[in-house]
PDB file of N, CA and C in Angstrom:
ATOM      1  N   MET A   1    -120.798-118.334-144.672  1.00  0.00           N
ATOM      2  CA  MET A   1    -119.909-119.439-144.970  1.00  0.00           C
ATOM      3  C   MET A   1    -120.751-120.585-145.534  1.00  0.00           C
ATOM      4  N   LYS A   2    -120.245-121.213-146.547  1.00  0.00           N
ATOM      5  CA  LYS A   2    -120.918-122.332-147.181  1.00  0.00           C
ATOM      6  C   LYS A   2    -120.416-123.627-146.531  1.00  0.00           C
ATOM      7  N   ILE A   3    -121.376-124.467-146.044  1.00  0.00           N
ATOM      8  CA  ILE A   3    -121.007-125.712-145.372  1.00  0.00           C
ATOM      9  C   ILE A   3    -121.845-126.869-145.911  1.00  0.00           C
ATOM     10  N   ILE A   4    -121.364-128.075-145.643  1.00  0.00           N
ATOM     11  CA  ILE A   4    -122.081-129.294-145.992  1.00  0.00           C
ATOM     12  C   ILE A   4    -122.505-129.945-144.683  1.00  0.00           C
ATOM     13  N   LEU A   5    -123.798-130.147-144.499  1.00  0.00           N
ATOM     14  CA  LEU A   5    -124.286-130.768-143.272  1.00  0.00           C
ATOM     15  C   LEU A   5    -123.994-132.265-143.294  1.00  0.00           C
ATOM     16  N   THR A   6    -123.472-132.785-142.199  1.00  0.00           N
ATOM     17  CA  THR A   6    -123.208-134.220-142.090  1.00  0.00           C
ATOM     18  C   THR A   6    -124.269-134.915-141.246  1.00  0.00           C
ATOM     19  N   HIS A   7    -125.063-134.138-140.514  1.00  0.00           N
ATOM     20  CA  HIS A   7    -126.177-134.643-139.713  1.00  0.00           C
ATOM     21  C   HIS A   7    -127.370-133.705-139.928  1.00  0.00           C
ATOM     22  N   GLU A   8    -128.541-134.168-139.592  1.00  0.00           N
ATOM     23  CA  GLU A   8    -129.717-133.300-139.686  1.00  0.00           C
ATOM     24  C   GLU A   8    -129.636-132.255-138.588  1.00  0.00           C
ATOM     25  N   VAL A   9    -129.869-131.011-138.949  1.00  0.00           N
ATOM     26  CA  VAL A   9    -129.870-129.900-137.999  1.00  0.00           C
ATOM     27  C   VAL A   9    -131.234-129.239-138.088  1.00  0.00           C
ATOM     28  N   SER A  10    -131.929-129.210-136.984  1.00  0.00           N
ATOM     29  CA  SER A  10    -133.278-128.651-136.931  1.00  0.00           C
ATOM     30  C   SER A  10    -133.288-127.209-137.422  1.00  0.00           C
ATOM     31  N   GLY A  11    -134.170-126.905-138.346  1.00  0.00           N
ATOM     32  CA  GLY A  11    -134.312-125.559-138.872  1.00  0.00           C
ATOM     33  C   GLY A  11    -133.286-125.174-139.918  1.00  0.00           C
ATOM     34  N   LEU A  12    -132.368-126.081-140.228  1.00  0.00           N
ATOM     35  CA  LEU A  12    -131.312-125.753-141.177  1.00  0.00           C
ATOM     36  C   LEU A  12    -131.315-126.695-142.377  1.00  0.00           C
ATOM     37  N   GLY A  13    -131.402-127.997-142.135  1.00  0.00           N
ATOM     38  CA  GLY A  13    -131.425-128.935-143.245  1.00  0.00           C
ATOM     39  C   GLY A  13    -131.062-130.342-142.820  1.00  0.00           C
ATOM     40  N   ALA A  14    -131.018-131.225-143.800  1.00  0.00           N
ATOM     41  CA  ALA A  14    -130.717-132.633-143.563  1.00  0.00           C
ATOM     42  C   ALA A  14    -129.284-132.932-143.987  1.00  0.00           C
ATOM     43  N   ALA A  15    -128.819-134.107-143.624  1.00  0.00           N
ATOM     44  CA  ALA A  15    -127.466-134.520-143.973  1.00  0.00           C
ATOM     45  C   ALA A  15    -127.298-134.505-145.488  1.00  0.00           C
ATOM     46  N   GLY A  16    -126.197-133.931-145.940  1.00  0.00           N
ATOM     47  CA  GLY A  16    -125.922-133.848-147.366  1.00  0.00           C
ATOM     48  C   GLY A  16    -126.338-132.533-147.994  1.00  0.00           C
ATOM     49  N   ASP A  17    -127.052-131.693-147.272  1.00  0.00           N
ATOM     50  CA  ASP A  17    -127.466-130.399-147.801  1.00  0.00           C
ATOM     51  C   ASP A  17    -126.300-129.411-147.740  1.00  0.00           C
ATOM     52  N   VAL A  18    -126.192-128.570-148.750  1.00  0.00           N
ATOM     53  CA  VAL A  18    -125.205-127.494-148.769  1.00  0.00           C
ATOM     54  C   VAL A  18    -125.959-126.214-148.426  1.00  0.00           C
ATOM     55  N   VAL A  19    -125.540-125.557-147.336  1.00  0.00           N
ATOM     56  CA  VAL A  19    -126.254-124.369-146.870  1.00  0.00           C
ATOM     57  C   VAL A  19    -125.263-123.245-146.568  1.00  0.00           C
ATOM     58  N   ASP A  20    -125.766-122.015-146.576  1.00  0.00           N
ATOM     59  CA  ASP A  20    -124.987-120.844-146.180  1.00  0.00           C
ATOM     60  C   ASP A  20    -125.425-120.445-144.778  1.00  0.00           C
ATOM     61  N   VAL A  21    -124.455-120.293-143.877  1.00  0.00           N
ATOM     62  CA  VAL A  21    -124.736-119.857-142.515  1.00  0.00           C
ATOM     63  C   VAL A  21    -123.719-118.784-142.141  1.00  0.00           C
ATOM     64  N   LYS A  22    -123.964-118.116-141.029  1.00  0.00           N
ATOM     65  CA  LYS A  22    -123.014-117.112-140.556  1.00  0.00           C
ATOM     66  C   LYS A  22    -121.728-117.805-140.139  1.00  0.00           C
ATOM     67  N   ASP A  23    -120.619-117.114-140.337  1.00  0.00           N
ATOM     68  CA  ASP A  23    -119.297-117.685-140.061  1.00  0.00           C
ATOM     69  C   ASP A  23    -119.169-118.191-138.624  1.00  0.00           C
ATOM     70  N   GLY A  24    -119.610-117.404-137.669  1.00  0.00           N
ATOM     71  CA  GLY A  24    -119.480-117.781-136.262  1.00  0.00           C
ATOM     72  C   GLY A  24    -120.269-119.031-135.918  1.00  0.00           C
ATOM     73  N   TYR A  25    -121.465-119.156-136.467  1.00  0.00           N
ATOM     74  CA  TYR A  25    -122.312-120.330-136.223  1.00  0.00           C
ATOM     75  C   TYR A  25    -121.628-121.584-136.746  1.00  0.00           C
ATOM     76  N   ALA A  26    -121.045-121.486-137.916  1.00  0.00           N
ATOM     77  CA  ALA A  26    -120.353-122.640-138.499  1.00  0.00           C
ATOM     78  C   ALA A  26    -119.080-122.952-137.722  1.00  0.00           C
ATOM     79  N   ARG A  27    -118.258-121.936-137.479  1.00  0.00           N
ATOM     80  CA  ARG A  27    -116.960-122.136-136.827  1.00  0.00           C
ATOM     81  C   ARG A  27    -117.082-122.563-135.368  1.00  0.00           C
ATOM     82  N   ASN A  28    -118.036-121.991-134.644  1.00  0.00           N
ATOM     83  CA  ASN A  28    -118.116-122.215-133.205  1.00  0.00           C
ATOM     84  C   ASN A  28    -119.077-123.319-132.795  1.00  0.00           C
ATOM     85  N   TYR A  29    -120.026-123.671-133.653  1.00  0.00           N
ATOM     86  CA  TYR A  29    -121.024-124.663-133.246  1.00  0.00           C
ATOM     87  C   TYR A  29    -121.071-125.875-134.172  1.00  0.00           C
ATOM     88  N   LEU A  30    -121.353-125.663-135.443  1.00  0.00           N
ATOM     89  CA  LEU A  30    -121.599-126.781-136.353  1.00  0.00           C
ATOM     90  C   LEU A  30    -120.355-127.629-136.620  1.00  0.00           C
ATOM     91  N   ILE A  31    -119.261-127.010-136.977  1.00  0.00           N
ATOM     92  CA  ILE A  31    -118.050-127.757-137.345  1.00  0.00           C
ATOM     93  C   ILE A  31    -117.420-128.456-136.142  1.00  0.00           C
ATOM     94  N   PRO A  32    -117.259-127.799-134.974  1.00  0.00           N
ATOM     95  CA  PRO A  32    -116.665-128.512-133.833  1.00  0.00           C
ATOM     96  C   PRO A  32    -117.491-129.710-133.356  1.00  0.00           C
ATOM     97  N   ARG A  33    -118.799-129.642-133.513  1.00  0.00           N
ATOM     98  CA  ARG A  33    -119.666-130.742-133.073  1.00  0.00           C
ATOM     99  C   ARG A  33    -119.891-131.790-134.163  1.00  0.00           C
ATOM    100  N   LYS A  34    -119.174-131.639-135.269  1.00  0.00           N
ATOM    101  CA  LYS A  34    -119.220-132.583-136.402  1.00  0.00           C
ATOM    102  C   LYS A  34    -120.601-132.653-137.055  1.00  0.00           C
ATOM    103  N   PHE A  35    -121.377-131.567-136.960  1.00  0.00           N
ATOM    104  CA  PHE A  35    -122.663-131.481-137.652  1.00  0.00           C
ATOM    105  C   PHE A  35    -122.469-131.047-139.095  1.00  0.00           C
ATOM    106  N   ALA A  36    -121.289-130.494-139.396  1.00  0.00           N
ATOM    107  CA  ALA A  36    -121.036-129.975-140.737  1.00  0.00           C
ATOM    108  C   ALA A  36    -119.544-129.976-141.026  1.00  0.00           C
ATOM    109  N   ILE A  37    -119.242-129.876-142.323  1.00  0.00           N
ATOM    110  CA  ILE A  37    -117.865-129.689-142.772  1.00  0.00           C
ATOM    111  C   ILE A  37    -117.856-128.497-143.720  1.00  0.00           C
ATOM    112  N   ARG A  38    -116.685-127.898-143.890  1.00  0.00           N
ATOM    113  CA  ARG A  38    -116.571-126.769-144.809  1.00  0.00           C
ATOM    114  C   ARG A  38    -116.823-127.244-146.234  1.00  0.00           C
ATOM    115  N   TRP A  39    -117.470-126.404-147.018  1.00  0.00           N
ATOM    116  CA  TRP A  39    -117.733-126.732-148.417  1.00  0.00           C
ATOM    117  C   TRP A  39    -116.482-126.458-149.223  1.00  0.00           C
ATOM    118  N   THR A  40    -116.145-127.429-150.059  1.00  0.00           N
ATOM    119  CA  THR A  40    -115.063-127.257-151.033  1.00  0.00           C
ATOM    120  C   THR A  40    -115.530-127.899-152.337  1.00  0.00           C
ATOM    121  N   LYS A  41    -114.830-127.613-153.411  1.00  0.00           N
ATOM    122  CA  LYS A  41    -115.201-128.238-154.679  1.00  0.00           C
ATOM    123  C   LYS A  41    -115.052-129.749-154.592  1.00  0.00           C
ATOM    124  N   GLY A  42    -114.033-130.217-153.902  1.00  0.00           N
ATOM    125  CA  GLY A  42    -113.846-131.653-153.706  1.00  0.00           C
ATOM    126  C   GLY A  42    -114.878-132.236-152.758  1.00  0.00           C
ATOM    127  N   GLY A  43    -115.492-131.381-151.962  1.00  0.00           N
ATOM    128  CA  GLY A  43    -116.499-131.830-151.005  1.00  0.00           C
ATOM    129  C   GLY A  43    -117.778-132.307-151.652  1.00  0.00           C
ATOM    130  N   GLU A  44    -117.976-132.011-152.926  1.00  0.00           N
ATOM    131  CA  GLU A  44    -119.184-132.472-153.625  1.00  0.00           C
ATOM    132  C   GLU A  44    -119.265-133.991-153.637  1.00  0.00           C
ATOM    133  N   LYS A  45    -118.107-134.671-153.658  1.00  0.00           N
ATOM    134  CA  LYS A  45    -118.100-136.132-153.575  1.00  0.00           C
ATOM    135  C   LYS A  45    -118.659-136.571-152.234  1.00  0.00           C
ATOM    136  N   ASP A  46    -118.287-135.855-151.176  1.00  0.00           N
ATOM    137  CA  ASP A  46    -118.790-136.162-149.843  1.00  0.00           C
ATOM    138  C   ASP A  46    -120.303-136.003-149.783  1.00  0.00           C
ATOM    139  N   VAL A  47    -120.811-134.964-150.455  1.00  0.00           N
ATOM    140  CA  VAL A  47    -122.253-134.724-150.468  1.00  0.00           C
ATOM    141  C   VAL A  47    -122.978-135.929-151.067  1.00  0.00           C
ATOM    142  N   GLU A  48    -122.484-136.429-152.167  1.00  0.00           N
ATOM    143  CA  GLU A  48    -123.125-137.579-152.803  1.00  0.00           C
ATOM    144  C   GLU A  48    -123.061-138.817-151.914  1.00  0.00           C
ATOM    145  N   GLN A  49    -121.941-139.033-151.244  1.00  0.00           N
ATOM    146  CA  GLN A  49    -121.817-140.179-150.335  1.00  0.00           C
ATOM    147  C   GLN A  49    -122.793-140.061-149.182  1.00  0.00           C
ATOM    148  N   ILE A  50    -122.906-138.881-148.610  1.00  0.00           N
ATOM    149  CA  ILE A  50    -123.818-138.663-147.491  1.00  0.00           C
ATOM    150  C   ILE A  50    -125.253-138.897-147.931  1.00  0.00           C
ATOM    151  N   ARG A  51    -125.616-138.390-149.099  1.00  0.00           N
ATOM    152  CA  ARG A  51    -126.985-138.568-149.596  1.00  0.00           C
ATOM    153  C   ARG A  51    -127.297-140.037-149.873  1.00  0.00           C
ATOM    154  N   ARG A  52    -126.330-140.762-150.460  1.00  0.00           N
ATOM    155  CA  ARG A  52    -126.543-142.197-150.713  1.00  0.00           C
ATOM    156  C   ARG A  52    -126.725-142.956-149.405  1.00  0.00           C
ATOM    157  N   ALA A  53    -125.900-142.660-148.404  1.00  0.00           N
ATOM    158  CA  ALA A  53    -125.995-143.332-147.113  1.00  0.00           C
ATOM    159  C   ALA A  53    -127.334-143.019-146.451  1.00  0.00           C
ATOM    160  N   ARG A  54    -127.774-141.766-146.555  1.00  0.00           N
ATOM    161  CA  ARG A  54    -129.055-141.383-145.968  1.00  0.00           C
ATOM    162  C   ARG A  54    -130.202-142.116-146.656  1.00  0.00           C
ATOM    163  N   LYS A  55    -130.130-142.256-147.974  1.00  0.00           N
ATOM    164  CA  LYS A  55    -131.185-142.924-148.724  1.00  0.00           C
ATOM    165  C   LYS A  55    -131.254-144.410-148.378  1.00  0.00           C
ATOM    166  N   ILE A  56    -130.091-145.038-148.157  1.00  0.00           N
ATOM    167  CA  ILE A  56    -130.058-146.453-147.802  1.00  0.00           C
ATOM    168  C   ILE A  56    -130.732-146.687-146.452  1.00  0.00           C
ATOM    169  N   HIS A  57    -130.471-145.810-145.493  1.00  0.00           N
ATOM    170  CA  HIS A  57    -130.986-146.002-144.136  1.00  0.00           C
ATOM    171  C   HIS A  57    -132.396-145.450-143.944  1.00  0.00           C
ATOM    172  N   GLU A  58    -132.894-144.740-144.907  1.00  0.00           N
ATOM    173  CA  GLU A  58    -134.188-144.092-144.802  1.00  0.00           C
ATOM    174  C   GLU A  58    -135.315-145.091-145.079  1.00  0.00           C
ATOM    175  N   ILE A  59    -136.360-145.026-144.311  1.00  0.00           N
ATOM    176  CA  ILE A  59    -137.532-145.859-144.560  1.00  0.00           C
ATOM    177  C   ILE A  59    -138.362-145.151-145.624  1.00  0.00           C
ATOM    178  N   GLN A  60    -138.621-145.845-146.723  1.00  0.00           N
ATOM    179  CA  GLN A  60    -139.223-145.229-147.893  1.00  0.00           C
ATOM    180  C   GLN A  60    -140.752-145.152-147.837  1.00  0.00           C
ATOM    181  N   THR A  61    -141.396-146.185-147.294  1.00  0.00           N
ATOM    182  CA  THR A  61    -142.855-146.227-147.358  1.00  0.00           C
ATOM    183  C   THR A  61    -143.449-146.592-146.007  1.00  0.00           C
ATOM    184  N   ILE A  62    -144.739-146.419-145.905  1.00  0.00           N
ATOM    185  CA  ILE A  62    -145.467-146.800-144.700  1.00  0.00           C
ATOM    186  C   ILE A  62    -145.366-148.309-144.486  1.00  0.00           C
ATOM    187  N   GLU A  63    -145.388-149.075-145.567  1.00  0.00           N
ATOM    188  CA  GLU A  63    -145.304-150.527-145.450  1.00  0.00           C
ATOM    189  C   GLU A  63    -143.976-150.936-144.817  1.00  0.00           C
ATOM    190  N   GLN A  64    -142.887-150.302-145.236  1.00  0.00           N
ATOM    191  CA  GLN A  64    -141.584-150.609-144.646  1.00  0.00           C
ATOM    192  C   GLN A  64    -141.573-150.259-143.161  1.00  0.00           C
ATOM    193  N   ALA A  65    -142.156-149.124-142.821  1.00  0.00           N
ATOM    194  CA  ALA A  65    -142.217-148.711-141.419  1.00  0.00           C
ATOM    195  C   ALA A  65    -143.016-149.720-140.602  1.00  0.00           C
ATOM    196  N   ASN A  66    -144.120-150.207-141.158  1.00  0.00           N
ATOM    197  CA  ASN A  66    -144.930-151.196-140.444  1.00  0.00           C
ATOM    198  C   ASN A  66    -144.193-152.519-140.297  1.00  0.00           C
ATOM    199  N   GLN A  67    -143.388-152.905-141.291  1.00  0.00           N
ATOM    200  CA  GLN A  67    -142.594-154.128-141.187  1.00  0.00           C
ATOM    201  C   GLN A  67    -141.557-154.002-140.070  1.00  0.00           C
ATOM    202  N   VAL A  68    -140.883-152.880-140.009  1.00  0.00           N
ATOM    203  CA  VAL A  68    -139.893-152.652-138.957  1.00  0.00           C
ATOM    204  C   VAL A  68    -140.574-152.654-137.595  1.00  0.00           C
ATOM    205  N   LYS A  69    -141.740-152.028-137.522  1.00  0.00           N
ATOM    206  CA  LYS A  69    -142.505-151.986-136.276  1.00  0.00           C
ATOM    207  C   LYS A  69    -142.867-153.389-135.824  1.00  0.00           C
ATOM    208  N   ALA A  70    -143.347-154.220-136.745  1.00  0.00           N
ATOM    209  CA  ALA A  70    -143.721-155.589-136.407  1.00  0.00           C
ATOM    210  C   ALA A  70    -142.506-156.386-135.931  1.00  0.00           C
ATOM    211  N   GLN A  71    -141.359-156.185-136.567  1.00  0.00           N
ATOM    212  CA  GLN A  71    -140.141-156.876-136.144  1.00  0.00           C
ATOM    213  C   GLN A  71    -139.716-156.443-134.745  1.00  0.00           C
ATOM    214  N   LEU A  72    -139.811-155.162-134.470  1.00  0.00           N
ATOM    215  CA  LEU A  72    -139.399-154.658-133.165  1.00  0.00           C
ATOM    216  C   LEU A  72    -140.354-155.073-132.054  1.00  0.00           C
ATOM    217  N   GLU A  73    -141.641-155.187-132.364  1.00  0.00           N
ATOM    218  CA  GLU A  73    -142.603-155.589-131.347  1.00  0.00           C
ATOM    219  C   GLU A  73    -142.362-157.016-130.877  1.00  0.00           C
ATOM    220  N   GLY A  74    -141.800-157.846-131.738  1.00  0.00           N
ATOM    221  CA  GLY A  74    -141.555-159.229-131.369  1.00  0.00           C
ATOM    222  C   GLY A  74    -140.242-159.449-130.637  1.00  0.00           C
ATOM    223  N   VAL A  75    -139.420-158.414-130.494  1.00  0.00           N
ATOM    224  CA  VAL A  75    -138.098-158.556-129.879  1.00  0.00           C
ATOM    225  C   VAL A  75    -138.176-158.187-128.402  1.00  0.00           C
ATOM    226  N   LYS A  76    -137.635-159.074-127.561  1.00  0.00           N
ATOM    227  CA  LYS A  76    -137.521-158.764-126.134  1.00  0.00           C
ATOM    228  C   LYS A  76    -136.055-158.504-125.848  1.00  0.00           C
ATOM    229  N   VAL A  77    -135.814-157.404-125.156  1.00  0.00           N
ATOM    230  CA  VAL A  77    -134.447-156.970-124.890  1.00  0.00           C
ATOM    231  C   VAL A  77    -134.267-156.812-123.386  1.00  0.00           C
ATOM    232  N   ARG A  78    -133.126-157.277-122.890  1.00  0.00           N
ATOM    233  CA  ARG A  78    -132.810-157.108-121.476  1.00  0.00           C
ATOM    234  C   ARG A  78    -131.471-156.392-121.385  1.00  0.00           C
ATOM    235  N   LEU A  79    -131.458-155.283-120.663  1.00  0.00           N
ATOM    236  CA  LEU A  79    -130.245-154.491-120.481  1.00  0.00           C
ATOM    237  C   LEU A  79    -129.809-154.591-119.025  1.00  0.00           C
ATOM    238  N   ALA A  80    -128.567-154.920-118.796  1.00  0.00           N
ATOM    239  CA  ALA A  80    -128.021-154.973-117.440  1.00  0.00           C
ATOM    240  C   ALA A  80    -127.335-153.647-117.144  1.00  0.00           C
ATOM    241  N   VAL A  81    -127.844-152.937-116.150  1.00  0.00           N
ATOM    242  CA  VAL A  81    -127.272-151.657-115.748  1.00  0.00           C
ATOM    243  C   VAL A  81    -127.162-151.617-114.234  1.00  0.00           C
ATOM    244  N   ARG A  82    -126.243-150.788-113.748  1.00  0.00           N
ATOM    245  CA  ARG A  82    -126.073-150.658-112.305  1.00  0.00           C
ATOM    246  C   ARG A  82    -127.146-149.744-111.741  1.00  0.00           C
ATOM    247  N   ALA A  83    -127.671-150.138-110.581  1.00  0.00           N
ATOM    248  CA  ALA A  83    -128.693-149.341-109.917  1.00  0.00           C
ATOM    249  C   ALA A  83    -128.402-149.293-108.425  1.00  0.00           C
ATOM    250  N   GLY A  84    -128.921-148.276-107.769  1.00  0.00           N
ATOM    251  CA  GLY A  84    -128.750-148.131-106.326  1.00  0.00           C
ATOM    252  C   GLY A  84    -129.748-148.984-105.572  1.00  0.00           C
ATOM    253  N   ASP A  85    -129.709-148.886-104.245  1.00  0.00           N
ATOM    254  CA  ASP A  85    -130.609-149.671-103.394  1.00  0.00           C
ATOM    255  C   ASP A  85    -132.069-149.331-103.644  1.00  0.00           C
ATOM    256  N   ALA A  86    -132.351-148.082-103.973  1.00  0.00           N
ATOM    257  CA  ALA A  86    -133.726-147.647-104.198  1.00  0.00           C
ATOM    258  C   ALA A  86    -134.190-147.929-105.627  1.00  0.00           C
ATOM    259  N   GLY A  87    -133.332-148.542-106.438  1.00  0.00           N
ATOM    260  CA  GLY A  87    -133.717-148.864-107.804  1.00  0.00           C
ATOM    261  C   GLY A  87    -133.407-147.770-108.812  1.00  0.00           C
ATOM    262  N   ARG A  88    -132.746-146.716-108.392  1.00  0.00           N
ATOM    263  CA  ARG A  88    -132.381-145.635-109.310  1.00  0.00           C
ATOM    264  C   ARG A  88    -131.108-146.010-110.052  1.00  0.00           C
ATOM    265  N   LEU A  89    -131.085-145.704-111.349  1.00  0.00           N
ATOM    266  CA  LEU A  89    -129.948-146.059-112.184  1.00  0.00           C
ATOM    267  C   LEU A  89    -128.760-145.137-111.952  1.00  0.00           C
ATOM    268  N   PHE A  90    -127.556-145.717-112.057  1.00  0.00           N
ATOM    269  CA  PHE A  90    -126.337-144.921-112.100  1.00  0.00           C
ATOM    270  C   PHE A  90    -126.082-144.633-113.562  1.00  0.00           C
ATOM    271  N   GLY A  91    -126.191-143.391-113.982  1.00  0.00           N
ATOM    272  CA  GLY A  91    -126.019-143.041-115.384  1.00  0.00           C
ATOM    273  C   GLY A  91    -127.349-143.123-116.115  1.00  0.00           C
ATOM    274  N   SER A  92    -127.281-143.542-117.376  1.00  0.00           N
ATOM    275  CA  SER A  92    -128.493-143.590-118.176  1.00  0.00           C
ATOM    276  C   SER A  92    -128.405-144.704-119.205  1.00  0.00           C
ATOM    277  N   VAL A  93    -129.534-145.038-119.783  1.00  0.00           N
ATOM    278  CA  VAL A  93    -129.601-145.995-120.884  1.00  0.00           C
ATOM    279  C   VAL A  93    -129.771-145.161-122.149  1.00  0.00           C
ATOM    280  N   THR A  94    -128.807-145.255-123.063  1.00  0.00           N
ATOM    281  CA  THR A  94    -128.821-144.423-124.254  1.00  0.00           C
ATOM    282  C   THR A  94    -129.457-145.150-125.433  1.00  0.00           C
ATOM    283  N   GLN A  95    -129.722-144.401-126.492  1.00  0.00           N
ATOM    284  CA  GLN A  95    -130.258-144.993-127.714  1.00  0.00           C
ATOM    285  C   GLN A  95    -129.288-146.014-128.280  1.00  0.00           C
ATOM    286  N   ALA A  96    -128.002-145.730-128.179  1.00  0.00           N
ATOM    287  CA  ALA A  96    -126.982-146.660-128.682  1.00  0.00           C
ATOM    288  C   ALA A  96    -127.006-147.970-127.898  1.00  0.00           C
ATOM    289  N   ASP A  97    -127.219-147.891-126.576  1.00  0.00           N
ATOM    290  CA  ASP A  97    -127.320-149.103-125.758  1.00  0.00           C
ATOM    291  C   ASP A  97    -128.500-149.961-126.207  1.00  0.00           C
ATOM    292  N   ILE A  98    -129.628-149.319-126.448  1.00  0.00           N
ATOM    293  CA  ILE A  98    -130.828-150.032-126.875  1.00  0.00           C
ATOM    294  C   ILE A  98    -130.620-150.632-128.263  1.00  0.00           C
ATOM    295  N   ALA A  99    -130.048-149.865-129.185  1.00  0.00           N
ATOM    296  CA  ALA A  99    -129.815-150.354-130.547  1.00  0.00           C
ATOM    297  C   ALA A  99    -128.882-151.552-130.547  1.00  0.00           C
ATOM    298  N   SER A 100    -127.803-151.490-129.757  1.00  0.00           N
ATOM    299  CA  SER A 100    -126.867-152.626-129.728  1.00  0.00           C
ATOM    300  C   SER A 100    -127.507-153.837-129.081  1.00  0.00           C
ATOM    301  N   ALA A 101    -128.370-153.644-128.089  1.00  0.00           N
ATOM    302  CA  ALA A 101    -129.062-154.770-127.449  1.00  0.00           C
ATOM    303  C   ALA A 101    -130.046-155.418-128.432  1.00  0.00           C
ATOM    304  N   ILE A 102    -130.717-154.608-129.245  1.00  0.00           N
ATOM    305  CA  ILE A 102    -131.650-155.145-130.242  1.00  0.00           C
ATOM    306  C   ILE A 102    -130.888-155.953-131.267  1.00  0.00           C
ATOM    307  N   LYS A 103    -129.760-155.440-131.748  1.00  0.00           N
ATOM    308  CA  LYS A 103    -128.949-156.171-132.722  1.00  0.00           C
ATOM    309  C   LYS A 103    -128.416-157.472-132.129  1.00  0.00           C
ATOM    310  N   ALA A 104    -127.992-157.433-130.866  1.00  0.00           N
ATOM    311  CA  ALA A 104    -127.465-158.635-130.216  1.00  0.00           C
ATOM    312  C   ALA A 104    -128.540-159.701-130.032  1.00  0.00           C
ATOM    313  N   SER A 105    -129.790-159.263-129.889  1.00  0.00           N
ATOM    314  CA  SER A 105    -130.875-160.224-129.688  1.00  0.00           C
ATOM    315  C   SER A 105    -131.429-160.753-130.999  1.00  0.00           C
ATOM    316  N   GLY A 106    -130.862-160.314-132.114  1.00  0.00           N
ATOM    317  CA  GLY A 106    -131.308-160.815-133.411  1.00  0.00           C
ATOM    318  C   GLY A 106    -132.397-159.983-134.054  1.00  0.00           C
ATOM    319  N   GLY A 107    -132.623-158.786-133.568  1.00  0.00           N
ATOM    320  CA  GLY A 107    -133.633-157.897-134.144  1.00  0.00           C
ATOM    321  C   GLY A 107    -133.154-157.276-135.436  1.00  0.00           C
ATOM    322  N   PRO A 108    -133.976-156.379-136.015  1.00  0.00           N
ATOM    323  CA  PRO A 108    -133.639-155.770-137.319  1.00  0.00           C
ATOM    324  C   PRO A 108    -132.431-154.930-137.307  1.00  0.00           C
TER     325      PRO A 108
END
């Protein structure tokens, strides 16, 4: 089955890639988890949109990476989470929690 990846899948490809996979893998794993969509002729527009979005968010050079690193090193973030008496957290702190806290504190 021919599919368009919407997210990077290890060993398969990056977002925007058109790949052929076995029908069961696409139907039972990739498509339900929103890692891919079925390929159609009209889907080529989606491929271009995904590639443009990936290029915008992608860090192009080492200098850009170092700039982002320097910006992040200067940001102090405090997350309020529930914890038990022994200091163990109820639940977890996710990447999304950290990203939203950085944005709220004025980071990159």
